[in-house]
Amino acid sequence: MTSTPDREAYGVRSSSERNVEEATTGTPAPRMPTPADSLDVLLVEDDAGDELIIRESFEANEIGSTLHVVRDGAEALDFLYRRGAHAGAVRPALVLVLLDLNLPKYDGWQVLEAVKADPDLASIPVVVLTTSTAEEDVVRSYRLRANAYVSKSVDFDRFVATVRHIDRFFVHMVRLPGR
């Protein structure tokens, strides 16, 4: 069976291709997570329209991750530290944080700085997902150790594709601590 460029780009292989790799290298080939893996993504987004598009993107792309949504920077930190309304909740094993910059209470940079300064949270990938295309916002986000900076597209199909690419990269391709 010939692999297409998309399959190769995303590391998708048939079971026979994985078996050959395992037999040749002696190490298990990476596998795609299954629903049983219970992957969790935190979306920090105050705009209900953008939240809806991201939810629809998860559904359209058949992303099996559980999407947790908080509406502002303070709630994001409460969720991560299990404070306030999130006190006593079991912290999910987050594999990704999708973070808007323009948030009420604490902005995205303040949340990013707190996450990356905390040894218990710093290894969680944070993708800044924002409408801003300003170079100074990109630079500041990376200085605060964002793992990626993605500008939201106003075109629905492009936005859905962007969410799919983020998921495929951070959830399916890279190896994260503890996974």
N, C-alpha and C. Protein backbone atom coordinates (compact mmCIF):
# COMPACT_ATOMS: atom_id res chain seq x y z
N MET A 1 0.84 -1.18 0.00
CA MET A 1 0.00 0.00 0.00
C MET A 1 0.88 1.24 0.00
N THR A 2 0.63 2.15 -0.90
CA THR A 2 1.42 3.36 -1.02
C THR A 2 0.87 4.42 -0.08
N SER A 3 1.76 5.07 0.65
CA SER A 3 1.33 6.13 1.58
C SER A 3 1.15 7.43 0.83
N THR A 4 0.12 8.16 1.18
CA THR A 4 -0.08 9.48 0.61
C THR A 4 0.71 10.49 1.42
N PRO A 5 1.01 11.67 0.85
CA PRO A 5 1.76 12.66 1.62
C PRO A 5 1.08 13.04 2.93
N ASP A 6 -0.28 13.14 2.94
CA ASP A 6 -0.96 13.50 4.18
C ASP A 6 -0.77 12.44 5.25
N ARG A 7 -0.85 11.17 4.87
CA ARG A 7 -0.64 10.09 5.84
C ARG A 7 0.77 10.17 6.40
N GLU A 8 1.74 10.39 5.54
CA GLU A 8 3.13 10.47 6.00
C GLU A 8 3.36 11.70 6.87
N ALA A 9 2.79 12.82 6.47
CA ALA A 9 2.99 14.06 7.22
C ALA A 9 2.47 13.96 8.64
N TYR A 10 1.43 13.16 8.84
CA TYR A 10 0.84 13.06 10.17
C TYR A 10 1.18 11.76 10.87
N GLY A 11 2.08 11.00 10.31
CA GLY A 11 2.52 9.79 10.98
C GLY A 11 1.49 8.69 10.99
N VAL A 12 0.53 8.71 10.09
CA VAL A 12 -0.50 7.69 10.04
C VAL A 12 0.02 6.52 9.22
N ARG A 13 0.04 5.35 9.86
CA ARG A 13 0.50 4.15 9.17
C ARG A 13 -0.48 3.02 9.43
N SER A 14 -0.53 2.08 8.51
CA SER A 14 -1.38 0.90 8.71
C SER A 14 -0.75 0.03 9.79
N SER A 15 -1.55 -0.91 10.30
CA SER A 15 -1.01 -1.79 11.33
C SER A 15 0.15 -2.62 10.79
N SER A 16 0.11 -3.00 9.53
CA SER A 16 1.23 -3.77 8.97
C SER A 16 2.49 -2.92 8.87
N GLU A 17 2.34 -1.63 8.53
CA GLU A 17 3.51 -0.74 8.50
C GLU A 17 4.09 -0.57 9.90
N ARG A 18 3.22 -0.45 10.91
CA ARG A 18 3.71 -0.34 12.30
C ARG A 18 4.40 -1.62 12.73
N ASN A 19 3.85 -2.77 12.35
CA ASN A 19 4.45 -4.05 12.73
C ASN A 19 5.85 -4.19 12.12
N VAL A 20 6.01 -3.77 10.85
CA VAL A 20 7.32 -3.84 10.20
C VAL A 20 8.30 -2.93 10.95
N GLU A 21 7.87 -1.71 11.30
CA GLU A 21 8.75 -0.79 12.04
C GLU A 21 9.16 -1.38 13.38
N GLU A 22 8.20 -1.97 14.11
CA GLU A 22 8.51 -2.56 15.40
C GLU A 22 9.49 -3.72 15.26
N ALA A 23 9.29 -4.55 14.25
CA ALA A 23 10.18 -5.69 14.03
C ALA A 23 11.57 -5.24 13.61
N THR A 24 11.65 -4.18 12.82
CA THR A 24 12.93 -3.69 12.32
C THR A 24 13.72 -2.97 13.39
N THR A 25 13.06 -2.11 14.16
CA THR A 25 13.77 -1.28 15.13
C THR A 25 13.79 -1.85 16.53
N GLY A 26 12.85 -2.75 16.81
CA GLY A 26 12.77 -3.31 18.15
C GLY A 26 12.05 -2.41 19.14
N THR A 27 11.54 -1.28 18.68
CA THR A 27 10.80 -0.39 19.57
C THR A 27 9.38 -0.23 19.04
N PRO A 28 8.43 -0.10 19.95
CA PRO A 28 7.05 0.06 19.49
C PRO A 28 6.89 1.35 18.67
N ALA A 29 6.15 1.24 17.59
CA ALA A 29 5.87 2.40 16.75
C ALA A 29 4.86 3.29 17.46
N PRO A 30 4.95 4.62 17.27
CA PRO A 30 3.95 5.50 17.87
C PRO A 30 2.57 5.12 17.37
N ARG A 31 1.58 5.26 18.24
CA ARG A 31 0.23 4.94 17.84
C ARG A 31 -0.67 6.14 18.03
N MET A 32 -1.78 6.13 17.32
CA MET A 32 -2.75 7.19 17.48
C MET A 32 -3.51 6.93 18.77
N PRO A 33 -3.75 7.95 19.58
CA PRO A 33 -4.53 7.73 20.80
C PRO A 33 -5.95 7.28 20.45
N THR A 34 -6.52 6.50 21.33
CA THR A 34 -7.89 6.04 21.17
C THR A 34 -8.77 6.78 22.16
N PRO A 35 -10.10 6.70 22.02
CA PRO A 35 -10.97 7.36 23.00
C PRO A 35 -10.68 6.92 24.43
N ALA A 36 -10.19 5.69 24.60
CA ALA A 36 -9.88 5.20 25.94
C ALA A 36 -8.73 5.98 26.57
N ASP A 37 -7.93 6.68 25.75
CA ASP A 37 -6.81 7.45 26.28
C ASP A 37 -7.28 8.68 27.05
N SER A 38 -8.51 9.09 26.88
CA SER A 38 -9.11 10.20 27.61
C SER A 38 -8.23 11.44 27.62
N LEU A 39 -8.03 12.01 26.46
CA LEU A 39 -7.21 13.20 26.32
C LEU A 39 -8.04 14.43 26.65
N ASP A 40 -7.46 15.36 27.37
CA ASP A 40 -8.17 16.56 27.80
C ASP A 40 -7.50 17.81 27.26
N VAL A 41 -8.33 18.73 26.75
CA VAL A 41 -7.86 20.00 26.23
C VAL A 41 -8.61 21.10 26.98
N LEU A 42 -7.87 22.11 27.45
CA LEU A 42 -8.48 23.26 28.09
C LEU A 42 -8.53 24.40 27.10
N LEU A 43 -9.73 24.90 26.83
CA LEU A 43 -9.93 26.06 25.98
C LEU A 43 -10.20 27.26 26.88
N VAL A 44 -9.36 28.29 26.76
CA VAL A 44 -9.55 29.53 27.52
C VAL A 44 -10.00 30.56 26.50
N GLU A 45 -11.31 30.81 26.47
CA GLU A 45 -11.91 31.62 25.42
C GLU A 45 -13.14 32.34 25.96
N ASP A 46 -13.17 33.66 25.83
CA ASP A 46 -14.31 34.43 26.32
C ASP A 46 -15.36 34.69 25.25
N ASP A 47 -15.04 34.47 23.99
CA ASP A 47 -15.97 34.75 22.90
C ASP A 47 -16.79 33.49 22.60
N ALA A 48 -18.11 33.58 22.83
CA ALA A 48 -18.98 32.42 22.64
C ALA A 48 -18.97 31.94 21.18
N GLY A 49 -18.86 32.85 20.24
CA GLY A 49 -18.80 32.46 18.83
C GLY A 49 -17.56 31.65 18.51
N ASP A 50 -16.40 32.09 19.02
CA ASP A 50 -15.16 31.34 18.79
C ASP A 50 -15.22 29.99 19.49
N GLU A 51 -15.80 29.95 20.69
CA GLU A 51 -15.95 28.67 21.39
C GLU A 51 -16.78 27.71 20.55
N LEU A 52 -17.89 28.21 20.00
CA LEU A 52 -18.76 27.37 19.18
C LEU A 52 -18.01 26.82 17.96
N ILE A 53 -17.24 27.67 17.31
CA ILE A 53 -16.47 27.22 16.14
C ILE A 53 -15.46 26.16 16.54
N ILE A 54 -14.82 26.34 17.69
CA ILE A 54 -13.83 25.35 18.14
C ILE A 54 -14.53 24.04 18.48
N ARG A 55 -15.68 24.12 19.16
CA ARG A 55 -16.45 22.90 19.46
C ARG A 55 -16.85 22.20 18.16
N GLU A 56 -17.35 22.97 17.19
CA GLU A 56 -17.73 22.39 15.91
C GLU A 56 -16.53 21.80 15.17
N SER A 57 -15.37 22.43 15.34
CA SER A 57 -14.14 21.91 14.74
C SER A 57 -13.77 20.56 15.35
N PHE A 58 -13.93 20.44 16.67
CA PHE A 58 -13.66 19.17 17.33
C PHE A 58 -14.60 18.10 16.79
N GLU A 59 -15.88 18.45 16.63
CA GLU A 59 -16.85 17.49 16.11
C GLU A 59 -16.57 17.15 14.64
N ALA A 60 -16.34 18.17 13.81
CA ALA A 60 -16.12 17.95 12.38
C ALA A 60 -14.87 17.12 12.14
N ASN A 61 -13.86 17.30 12.97
CA ASN A 61 -12.60 16.57 12.81
C ASN A 61 -12.57 15.28 13.61
N GLU A 62 -13.71 14.97 14.26
CA GLU A 62 -13.82 13.77 15.09
C GLU A 62 -12.69 13.68 16.11
N ILE A 63 -12.43 14.83 16.74
CA ILE A 63 -11.40 14.89 17.77
C ILE A 63 -12.01 14.31 19.04
N GLY A 64 -11.42 13.24 19.54
CA GLY A 64 -11.98 12.53 20.68
C GLY A 64 -11.62 13.13 22.03
N SER A 65 -10.86 14.19 22.03
CA SER A 65 -10.46 14.81 23.29
C SER A 65 -11.65 15.44 23.99
N THR A 66 -11.59 15.48 25.31
CA THR A 66 -12.59 16.18 26.10
C THR A 66 -12.19 17.65 26.14
N LEU A 67 -13.10 18.52 25.75
CA LEU A 67 -12.83 19.95 25.73
C LEU A 67 -13.43 20.59 26.97
N HIS A 68 -12.56 21.14 27.81
CA HIS A 68 -12.97 21.90 28.99
C HIS A 68 -12.89 23.37 28.62
N VAL A 69 -13.92 24.15 28.93
CA VAL A 69 -13.94 25.55 28.54
C VAL A 69 -14.06 26.43 29.77
N VAL A 70 -13.18 27.44 29.82
CA VAL A 70 -13.29 28.49 30.83
C VAL A 70 -13.31 29.82 30.10
N ARG A 71 -13.91 30.83 30.73
CA ARG A 71 -14.23 32.08 30.03
C ARG A 71 -13.31 33.26 30.30
N ASP A 72 -12.42 33.14 31.26
CA ASP A 72 -11.51 34.25 31.53
C ASP A 72 -10.23 33.73 32.17
N GLY A 73 -9.26 34.63 32.31
CA GLY A 73 -7.97 34.23 32.84
C GLY A 73 -8.03 33.75 34.28
N ALA A 74 -8.86 34.39 35.10
CA ALA A 74 -8.98 33.98 36.50
C ALA A 74 -9.56 32.57 36.59
N GLU A 75 -10.59 32.30 35.79
CA GLU A 75 -11.18 30.96 35.81
C GLU A 75 -10.20 29.92 35.29
N ALA A 76 -9.37 30.29 34.33
CA ALA A 76 -8.36 29.36 33.81
C ALA A 76 -7.41 28.95 34.94
N LEU A 77 -6.95 29.92 35.70
CA LEU A 77 -6.04 29.61 36.81
C LEU A 77 -6.76 28.82 37.90
N ASP A 78 -8.03 29.15 38.17
CA ASP A 78 -8.81 28.37 39.14
C ASP A 78 -8.95 26.92 38.67
N PHE A 79 -9.20 26.72 37.38
CA PHE A 79 -9.31 25.37 36.84
C PHE A 79 -7.99 24.62 37.01
N LEU A 80 -6.90 25.24 36.63
CA LEU A 80 -5.59 24.58 36.70
C LEU A 80 -5.15 24.30 38.13
N TYR A 81 -5.49 25.20 39.06
CA TYR A 81 -5.08 25.03 40.45
C TYR A 81 -6.18 24.46 41.34
N ARG A 82 -7.33 24.11 40.73
CA ARG A 82 -8.47 23.56 41.45
C ARG A 82 -8.90 24.45 42.61
N ARG A 83 -9.18 25.71 42.26
CA ARG A 83 -9.63 26.69 43.25
C ARG A 83 -11.05 27.14 42.90
N GLY A 84 -11.67 27.87 43.82
CA GLY A 84 -12.98 28.45 43.54
C GLY A 84 -13.99 27.40 43.12
N ALA A 85 -14.68 27.65 42.02
CA ALA A 85 -15.70 26.72 41.52
C ALA A 85 -15.10 25.37 41.14
N HIS A 86 -13.78 25.30 40.97
CA HIS A 86 -13.12 24.06 40.57
C HIS A 86 -12.42 23.37 41.74
N ALA A 87 -12.61 23.89 42.96
CA ALA A 87 -12.01 23.28 44.16
C ALA A 87 -12.56 21.87 44.33
N GLY A 88 -11.69 20.95 44.62
CA GLY A 88 -12.09 19.58 44.84
C GLY A 88 -12.26 18.77 43.57
N ALA A 89 -12.22 19.41 42.42
CA ALA A 89 -12.35 18.67 41.16
C ALA A 89 -11.05 17.93 40.86
N VAL A 90 -11.18 16.83 40.21
CA VAL A 90 -10.00 16.09 39.79
C VAL A 90 -9.42 16.82 38.59
N ARG A 91 -8.14 17.18 38.67
CA ARG A 91 -7.50 17.85 37.53
C ARG A 91 -7.29 16.83 36.43
N PRO A 92 -7.85 17.08 35.27
CA PRO A 92 -7.64 16.12 34.17
C PRO A 92 -6.18 16.14 33.73
N ALA A 93 -5.80 15.09 33.06
CA ALA A 93 -4.45 15.02 32.50
C ALA A 93 -4.45 15.82 31.20
N LEU A 94 -4.26 17.12 31.33
CA LEU A 94 -4.31 18.00 30.16
C LEU A 94 -3.17 17.69 29.21
N VAL A 95 -3.51 17.62 27.94
CA VAL A 95 -2.48 17.45 26.93
C VAL A 95 -2.26 18.74 26.16
N LEU A 96 -3.14 19.73 26.39
CA LEU A 96 -3.04 20.96 25.62
C LEU A 96 -3.91 22.05 26.22
N VAL A 97 -3.40 23.28 26.17
CA VAL A 97 -4.20 24.46 26.52
C VAL A 97 -4.27 25.34 25.27
N LEU A 98 -5.48 25.67 24.85
CA LEU A 98 -5.71 26.63 23.76
C LEU A 98 -6.08 27.94 24.44
N LEU A 99 -5.24 28.96 24.27
CA LEU A 99 -5.33 30.17 25.06
C LEU A 99 -5.52 31.41 24.20
N ASP A 100 -6.63 32.09 24.41
CA ASP A 100 -6.85 33.39 23.78
C ASP A 100 -6.05 34.42 24.57
N LEU A 101 -5.64 35.49 23.94
CA LEU A 101 -4.89 36.54 24.63
C LEU A 101 -5.79 37.59 25.27
N ASN A 102 -6.83 37.96 24.55
CA ASN A 102 -7.70 39.05 24.99
C ASN A 102 -8.80 38.51 25.88
N LEU A 103 -8.49 38.40 27.17
CA LEU A 103 -9.41 37.82 28.14
C LEU A 103 -9.72 38.81 29.25
N PRO A 104 -10.90 38.70 29.85
CA PRO A 104 -11.19 39.51 31.03
C PRO A 104 -10.45 38.98 32.26
N LYS A 105 -10.36 39.81 33.26
CA LYS A 105 -9.75 39.53 34.57
C LYS A 105 -8.23 39.39 34.47
N TYR A 106 -7.74 38.28 33.99
CA TYR A 106 -6.31 38.13 33.68
C TYR A 106 -6.23 37.88 32.18
N ASP A 107 -5.30 38.58 31.51
CA ASP A 107 -5.19 38.35 30.08
C ASP A 107 -4.40 37.07 29.81
N GLY A 108 -4.36 36.69 28.55
CA GLY A 108 -3.70 35.45 28.18
C GLY A 108 -2.23 35.40 28.54
N TRP A 109 -1.55 36.54 28.45
CA TRP A 109 -0.13 36.56 28.80
C TRP A 109 0.06 36.28 30.29
N GLN A 110 -0.80 36.80 31.14
CA GLN A 110 -0.70 36.54 32.57
C GLN A 110 -0.93 35.06 32.86
N VAL A 111 -1.89 34.47 32.18
CA VAL A 111 -2.15 33.03 32.35
C VAL A 111 -0.94 32.24 31.86
N LEU A 112 -0.44 32.57 30.69
CA LEU A 112 0.72 31.88 30.12
C LEU A 112 1.92 31.97 31.06
N GLU A 113 2.17 33.16 31.57
CA GLU A 113 3.30 33.34 32.47
C GLU A 113 3.16 32.49 33.73
N ALA A 114 1.95 32.43 34.30
CA ALA A 114 1.72 31.62 35.51
C ALA A 114 1.90 30.14 35.22
N VAL A 115 1.38 29.67 34.10
CA VAL A 115 1.48 28.25 33.75
C VAL A 115 2.94 27.86 33.56
N LYS A 116 3.68 28.65 32.81
CA LYS A 116 5.07 28.29 32.51
C LYS A 116 6.01 28.49 33.69
N ALA A 117 5.60 29.27 34.70
CA ALA A 117 6.42 29.47 35.89
C ALA A 117 6.20 28.38 36.93
N ASP A 118 5.16 27.60 36.78
CA ASP A 118 4.82 26.56 37.76
C ASP A 118 5.38 25.22 37.29
N PRO A 119 6.29 24.61 38.07
CA PRO A 119 6.88 23.34 37.66
C PRO A 119 5.85 22.22 37.42
N ASP A 120 4.71 22.28 38.10
CA ASP A 120 3.69 21.26 37.92
C ASP A 120 2.88 21.45 36.64
N LEU A 121 2.90 22.64 36.07
CA LEU A 121 2.10 22.93 34.89
C LEU A 121 2.94 23.22 33.65
N ALA A 122 4.21 23.55 33.84
CA ALA A 122 5.04 24.07 32.75
C ALA A 122 5.16 23.13 31.56
N SER A 123 5.01 21.83 31.77
CA SER A 123 5.17 20.90 30.64
C SER A 123 3.91 20.77 29.78
N ILE A 124 2.81 21.37 30.21
CA ILE A 124 1.58 21.33 29.40
C ILE A 124 1.77 22.28 28.22
N PRO A 125 1.63 21.80 27.00
CA PRO A 125 1.76 22.70 25.85
C PRO A 125 0.65 23.75 25.85
N VAL A 126 1.04 24.98 25.59
CA VAL A 126 0.09 26.08 25.49
C VAL A 126 0.18 26.66 24.08
N VAL A 127 -0.94 26.61 23.38
CA VAL A 127 -1.04 27.20 22.05
C VAL A 127 -1.84 28.47 22.17
N VAL A 128 -1.22 29.59 21.85
CA VAL A 128 -1.93 30.86 21.81
C VAL A 128 -2.76 30.85 20.54
N LEU A 129 -4.07 30.96 20.70
CA LEU A 129 -5.02 30.94 19.59
C LEU A 129 -5.81 32.23 19.66
N THR A 130 -5.45 33.18 18.82
CA THR A 130 -5.95 34.54 18.97
C THR A 130 -6.22 35.19 17.62
N THR A 131 -6.94 36.29 17.64
CA THR A 131 -7.20 37.04 16.41
C THR A 131 -6.02 37.93 16.04
N SER A 132 -5.15 38.20 16.99
CA SER A 132 -4.04 39.12 16.76
C SER A 132 -3.00 38.55 15.80
N THR A 133 -2.58 39.38 14.87
CA THR A 133 -1.47 39.02 13.99
C THR A 133 -0.28 39.95 14.23
N ALA A 134 -0.35 40.75 15.29
CA ALA A 134 0.70 41.73 15.60
C ALA A 134 2.00 41.03 15.99
N GLU A 135 3.08 41.44 15.36
CA GLU A 135 4.39 40.84 15.62
C GLU A 135 4.77 40.93 17.10
N GLU A 136 4.47 42.06 17.75
CA GLU A 136 4.83 42.20 19.17
C GLU A 136 4.07 41.19 20.03
N ASP A 137 2.86 40.80 19.64
CA ASP A 137 2.11 39.78 20.38
C ASP A 137 2.75 38.41 20.20
N VAL A 138 3.19 38.13 18.98
CA VAL A 138 3.86 36.87 18.69
C VAL A 138 5.15 36.77 19.52
N VAL A 139 5.95 37.82 19.47
CA VAL A 139 7.24 37.83 20.18
C VAL A 139 7.02 37.68 21.68
N ARG A 140 6.09 38.45 22.22
CA ARG A 140 5.83 38.38 23.67
C ARG A 140 5.36 36.99 24.08
N SER A 141 4.50 36.38 23.28
CA SER A 141 4.00 35.04 23.61
C SER A 141 5.14 34.02 23.64
N TYR A 142 6.01 34.06 22.65
CA TYR A 142 7.13 33.12 22.65
C TYR A 142 8.13 33.42 23.77
N ARG A 143 8.32 34.67 24.10
CA ARG A 143 9.20 35.01 25.24
C ARG A 143 8.67 34.43 26.54
N LEU A 144 7.35 34.34 26.64
CA LEU A 144 6.72 33.76 27.83
C LEU A 144 6.58 32.24 27.70
N ARG A 145 7.20 31.67 26.69
CA ARG A 145 7.32 30.23 26.46
C ARG A 145 6.05 29.56 25.96
N ALA A 146 5.28 30.27 25.14
CA ALA A 146 4.18 29.62 24.43
C ALA A 146 4.78 28.54 23.54
N ASN A 147 4.07 27.45 23.35
CA ASN A 147 4.56 26.38 22.49
C ASN A 147 4.23 26.64 21.03
N ALA A 148 3.22 27.46 20.78
CA ALA A 148 2.87 27.84 19.41
C ALA A 148 1.99 29.07 19.47
N TYR A 149 1.99 29.81 18.37
CA TYR A 149 1.16 31.00 18.23
C TYR A 149 0.40 30.86 16.93
N VAL A 150 -0.93 30.83 17.03
CA VAL A 150 -1.77 30.62 15.85
C VAL A 150 -2.81 31.72 15.80
N SER A 151 -2.90 32.39 14.65
CA SER A 151 -3.94 33.41 14.46
C SER A 151 -5.21 32.74 13.96
N LYS A 152 -6.32 33.12 14.57
CA LYS A 152 -7.62 32.57 14.17
C LYS A 152 -7.98 33.08 12.79
N SER A 153 -8.44 32.18 11.96
CA SER A 153 -8.89 32.56 10.63
C SER A 153 -10.35 32.99 10.70
N VAL A 154 -10.73 33.97 9.88
CA VAL A 154 -12.13 34.37 9.81
C VAL A 154 -12.91 33.44 8.88
N ASP A 155 -12.21 32.64 8.08
CA ASP A 155 -12.84 31.68 7.20
C ASP A 155 -13.10 30.39 7.99
N PHE A 156 -14.37 29.97 8.05
CA PHE A 156 -14.75 28.81 8.86
C PHE A 156 -13.95 27.56 8.49
N ASP A 157 -13.86 27.24 7.20
CA ASP A 157 -13.17 26.02 6.78
C ASP A 157 -11.69 26.05 7.16
N ARG A 158 -11.06 27.21 7.02
CA ARG A 158 -9.64 27.33 7.42
C ARG A 158 -9.49 27.18 8.92
N PHE A 159 -10.44 27.76 9.67
CA PHE A 159 -10.39 27.67 11.13
C PHE A 159 -10.54 26.22 11.57
N VAL A 160 -11.47 25.49 10.97
CA VAL A 160 -11.66 24.07 11.27
C VAL A 160 -10.37 23.29 10.95
N ALA A 161 -9.77 23.59 9.81
CA ALA A 161 -8.52 22.92 9.43
C ALA A 161 -7.40 23.25 10.40
N THR A 162 -7.35 24.50 10.87
CA THR A 162 -6.32 24.91 11.83
C THR A 162 -6.44 24.11 13.12
N VAL A 163 -7.66 23.99 13.63
CA VAL A 163 -7.88 23.21 14.86
C VAL A 163 -7.47 21.76 14.63
N ARG A 164 -7.79 21.20 13.47
CA ARG A 164 -7.40 19.82 13.15
C ARG A 164 -5.87 19.68 13.18
N HIS A 165 -5.17 20.63 12.58
CA HIS A 165 -3.71 20.56 12.56
C HIS A 165 -3.11 20.68 13.96
N ILE A 166 -3.66 21.56 14.77
CA ILE A 166 -3.18 21.70 16.16
C ILE A 166 -3.37 20.38 16.89
N ASP A 167 -4.56 19.79 16.77
CA ASP A 167 -4.84 18.51 17.42
C ASP A 167 -3.89 17.42 16.93
N ARG A 168 -3.75 17.31 15.63
CA ARG A 168 -2.89 16.25 15.09
C ARG A 168 -1.46 16.40 15.56
N PHE A 169 -0.98 17.62 15.63
CA PHE A 169 0.41 17.81 16.06
C PHE A 169 0.58 17.57 17.55
N PHE A 170 -0.16 18.31 18.38
CA PHE A 170 0.08 18.25 19.82
C PHE A 170 -0.50 17.02 20.49
N VAL A 171 -1.56 16.44 19.94
CA VAL A 171 -2.19 15.29 20.59
C VAL A 171 -1.73 13.98 19.97
N HIS A 172 -1.46 13.97 18.67
CA HIS A 172 -1.17 12.71 18.00
C HIS A 172 0.28 12.52 17.57
N MET A 173 1.02 13.60 17.35
CA MET A 173 2.38 13.44 16.81
C MET A 173 3.48 13.55 17.86
N VAL A 174 3.39 14.52 18.72
CA VAL A 174 4.48 14.75 19.67
C VAL A 174 4.33 13.86 20.88
N ARG A 175 5.43 13.59 21.51
CA ARG A 175 5.41 12.82 22.76
C ARG A 175 5.47 13.84 23.89
N LEU A 176 4.49 13.73 24.78
CA LEU A 176 4.41 14.64 25.92
C LEU A 176 4.78 13.89 27.19
N PRO A 177 5.26 14.59 28.20
CA PRO A 177 5.59 13.94 29.47
C PRO A 177 4.39 13.20 30.04
N GLY A 178 4.61 11.99 30.51
CA GLY A 178 3.55 11.22 31.14
C GLY A 178 2.58 10.55 30.18
N ARG A 179 2.82 10.62 28.88
CA ARG A 179 1.89 10.01 27.91
C ARG A 179 2.60 8.93 27.13
